[in-house]
N, C-alpha and C. Protein backbone atom coordinates (compact mmCIF):
# COMPACT_ATOMS: atom_id res chain seq x y z
N MET A 1 16.47 16.15 44.13
CA MET A 1 17.28 15.87 42.97
C MET A 1 16.92 16.82 41.83
N PHE A 2 15.65 17.02 41.57
CA PHE A 2 15.26 17.89 40.47
C PHE A 2 15.56 19.35 40.76
N LYS A 3 15.53 19.72 42.03
CA LYS A 3 15.81 21.10 42.40
C LYS A 3 17.26 21.44 42.06
N GLN A 4 18.19 20.56 42.34
CA GLN A 4 19.59 20.80 42.01
C GLN A 4 19.79 20.85 40.50
N PHE A 5 19.04 20.05 39.78
CA PHE A 5 19.17 20.02 38.32
C PHE A 5 18.65 21.32 37.71
N THR A 6 17.55 21.83 38.21
CA THR A 6 16.96 23.03 37.62
C THR A 6 17.65 24.31 38.05
N GLU A 7 18.39 24.30 39.15
CA GLU A 7 19.09 25.50 39.58
C GLU A 7 20.27 25.84 38.68
N ASN A 8 20.88 24.86 38.06
CA ASN A 8 22.08 25.07 37.25
C ASN A 8 21.79 25.10 35.75
N ILE A 9 20.60 25.47 35.36
CA ILE A 9 20.22 25.50 33.94
C ILE A 9 20.51 26.88 33.37
N ASN A 10 21.21 26.89 32.22
CA ASN A 10 21.35 28.15 31.50
C ASN A 10 20.28 28.22 30.41
N ALA A 11 20.33 29.26 29.59
CA ALA A 11 19.26 29.50 28.61
C ALA A 11 19.15 28.38 27.58
N ASN A 12 20.28 27.87 27.11
CA ASN A 12 20.24 26.81 26.09
C ASN A 12 19.62 25.54 26.64
N GLN A 13 19.91 25.20 27.85
CA GLN A 13 19.34 23.99 28.44
C GLN A 13 17.86 24.15 28.74
N ALA A 14 17.41 25.37 28.96
CA ALA A 14 15.98 25.59 29.19
C ALA A 14 15.18 25.26 27.94
N TYR A 15 15.71 25.61 26.76
CA TYR A 15 15.03 25.25 25.52
C TYR A 15 14.97 23.74 25.35
N LEU A 16 16.04 23.05 25.71
CA LEU A 16 16.04 21.60 25.60
C LEU A 16 15.00 20.97 26.52
N LEU A 17 14.91 21.47 27.74
CA LEU A 17 13.91 20.93 28.67
C LEU A 17 12.50 21.24 28.21
N PHE A 18 12.30 22.44 27.65
CA PHE A 18 10.99 22.82 27.14
C PHE A 18 10.58 21.92 25.97
N SER A 19 11.50 21.65 25.05
CA SER A 19 11.17 20.79 23.92
C SER A 19 10.94 19.35 24.37
N LEU A 20 11.68 18.90 25.37
CA LEU A 20 11.46 17.57 25.92
C LEU A 20 10.08 17.47 26.56
N GLY A 21 9.68 18.52 27.27
CA GLY A 21 8.34 18.55 27.87
C GLY A 21 7.25 18.51 26.82
N ILE A 22 7.42 19.28 25.74
CA ILE A 22 6.43 19.28 24.65
C ILE A 22 6.34 17.88 24.04
N PHE A 23 7.49 17.23 23.84
CA PHE A 23 7.48 15.88 23.27
C PHE A 23 6.71 14.91 24.16
N PHE A 24 6.96 14.94 25.46
CA PHE A 24 6.27 14.01 26.35
C PHE A 24 4.78 14.29 26.41
N VAL A 25 4.39 15.54 26.42
CA VAL A 25 2.95 15.87 26.43
C VAL A 25 2.30 15.38 25.15
N PHE A 26 2.94 15.61 24.00
CA PHE A 26 2.40 15.15 22.73
C PHE A 26 2.31 13.62 22.71
N PHE A 27 3.34 12.94 23.17
CA PHE A 27 3.36 11.48 23.19
C PHE A 27 2.25 10.93 24.08
N ILE A 28 2.05 11.53 25.21
CA ILE A 28 1.00 11.07 26.13
C ILE A 28 -0.38 11.31 25.54
N VAL A 29 -0.59 12.48 24.91
CA VAL A 29 -1.90 12.78 24.30
C VAL A 29 -2.20 11.82 23.16
N VAL A 30 -1.22 11.55 22.30
CA VAL A 30 -1.44 10.61 21.19
C VAL A 30 -1.70 9.21 21.71
N THR A 31 -1.00 8.80 22.74
CA THR A 31 -1.22 7.48 23.32
C THR A 31 -2.64 7.36 23.89
N ILE A 32 -3.09 8.38 24.58
CA ILE A 32 -4.46 8.37 25.12
C ILE A 32 -5.48 8.33 24.00
N MET A 33 -5.24 9.10 22.93
CA MET A 33 -6.18 9.09 21.80
C MET A 33 -6.23 7.71 21.14
N LEU A 34 -5.08 7.05 21.00
CA LEU A 34 -5.06 5.73 20.38
C LEU A 34 -5.75 4.69 21.24
N ILE A 35 -5.65 4.82 22.54
CA ILE A 35 -6.32 3.88 23.43
C ILE A 35 -7.83 4.07 23.39
N ARG A 36 -8.28 5.32 23.28
CA ARG A 36 -9.71 5.62 23.35
C ARG A 36 -10.44 5.49 22.01
N ILE A 37 -9.73 5.34 20.90
CA ILE A 37 -10.37 5.32 19.58
C ILE A 37 -11.25 4.07 19.46
N ARG A 38 -12.38 4.24 18.78
CA ARG A 38 -13.32 3.14 18.61
C ARG A 38 -12.92 2.28 17.42
N LYS A 39 -13.17 0.99 17.50
CA LYS A 39 -12.82 0.07 16.42
C LYS A 39 -13.61 0.38 15.15
N GLN A 40 -14.86 0.83 15.29
CA GLN A 40 -15.65 1.16 14.11
C GLN A 40 -15.01 2.31 13.33
N HIS A 41 -14.46 3.27 14.02
CA HIS A 41 -13.81 4.41 13.35
C HIS A 41 -12.55 3.94 12.61
N VAL A 42 -11.79 3.06 13.22
CA VAL A 42 -10.59 2.53 12.57
C VAL A 42 -10.97 1.74 11.33
N ASP A 43 -12.00 0.92 11.41
CA ASP A 43 -12.45 0.15 10.26
C ASP A 43 -12.95 1.06 9.15
N HIS A 44 -13.68 2.10 9.50
CA HIS A 44 -14.18 3.05 8.51
C HIS A 44 -13.03 3.76 7.80
N MET A 45 -12.05 4.23 8.56
CA MET A 45 -10.92 4.93 7.97
C MET A 45 -10.06 3.99 7.12
N ARG A 46 -9.95 2.74 7.53
CA ARG A 46 -9.17 1.77 6.78
C ARG A 46 -9.82 1.49 5.42
N ASP A 47 -11.15 1.48 5.36
CA ASP A 47 -11.86 1.15 4.13
C ASP A 47 -12.07 2.34 3.21
N LEU A 48 -11.75 3.54 3.63
CA LEU A 48 -11.99 4.71 2.79
C LEU A 48 -11.30 4.66 1.43
N PRO A 49 -10.04 4.30 1.33
CA PRO A 49 -9.42 4.28 -0.01
C PRO A 49 -10.06 3.26 -0.94
N LEU A 50 -10.66 2.23 -0.41
CA LEU A 50 -11.28 1.21 -1.25
C LEU A 50 -12.65 1.62 -1.76
N HIS A 51 -13.33 2.52 -1.07
CA HIS A 51 -14.69 2.91 -1.43
C HIS A 51 -14.78 4.37 -1.86
N ASP A 52 -13.72 4.89 -2.41
CA ASP A 52 -13.71 6.29 -2.83
C ASP A 52 -14.52 6.44 -4.12
N SER A 53 -15.52 7.30 -4.09
CA SER A 53 -16.39 7.47 -5.26
C SER A 53 -15.68 8.19 -6.39
N LEU A 54 -14.70 9.01 -6.10
CA LEU A 54 -13.97 9.72 -7.16
C LEU A 54 -13.15 8.78 -8.02
N THR A 55 -12.55 7.78 -7.45
CA THR A 55 -11.72 6.87 -8.25
C THR A 55 -12.60 5.94 -9.09
N ASP A 56 -13.82 5.67 -8.68
CA ASP A 56 -14.70 4.78 -9.45
C ASP A 56 -15.30 5.48 -10.66
N SER A 57 -15.50 6.80 -10.58
CA SER A 57 -16.21 7.50 -11.65
C SER A 57 -15.27 8.18 -12.66
N THR A 58 -14.00 8.24 -12.40
CA THR A 58 -13.08 8.91 -13.34
C THR A 58 -12.63 7.93 -14.41
N PRO A 59 -12.55 8.43 -15.64
CA PRO A 59 -12.09 7.54 -16.72
C PRO A 59 -10.59 7.30 -16.60
N PRO A 60 -10.09 6.23 -17.20
CA PRO A 60 -8.66 5.96 -17.13
C PRO A 60 -7.87 7.02 -17.89
N LEU A 61 -6.63 7.20 -17.50
CA LEU A 61 -5.78 8.20 -18.15
C LEU A 61 -5.37 7.74 -19.54
N GLN A 62 -5.34 8.69 -20.48
CA GLN A 62 -4.91 8.40 -21.84
C GLN A 62 -3.41 8.57 -21.96
N SER A 63 -2.73 7.62 -22.52
CA SER A 63 -1.27 7.71 -22.66
C SER A 63 -0.89 8.20 -24.04
């Protein structure tokens, strides 16, 4: 089935198949990264905006 599909591809369709392949590879890599990420890292990244030292030490803006 795939052999018949790939034999009749012109140049424009090759770009579409290439971009579809890139999308699937990216989607699979991101999915694997999300499955493998540690809960401690997620908790640390979630708490970063709350414990930012720059926001605690800057004076309020003058209006």
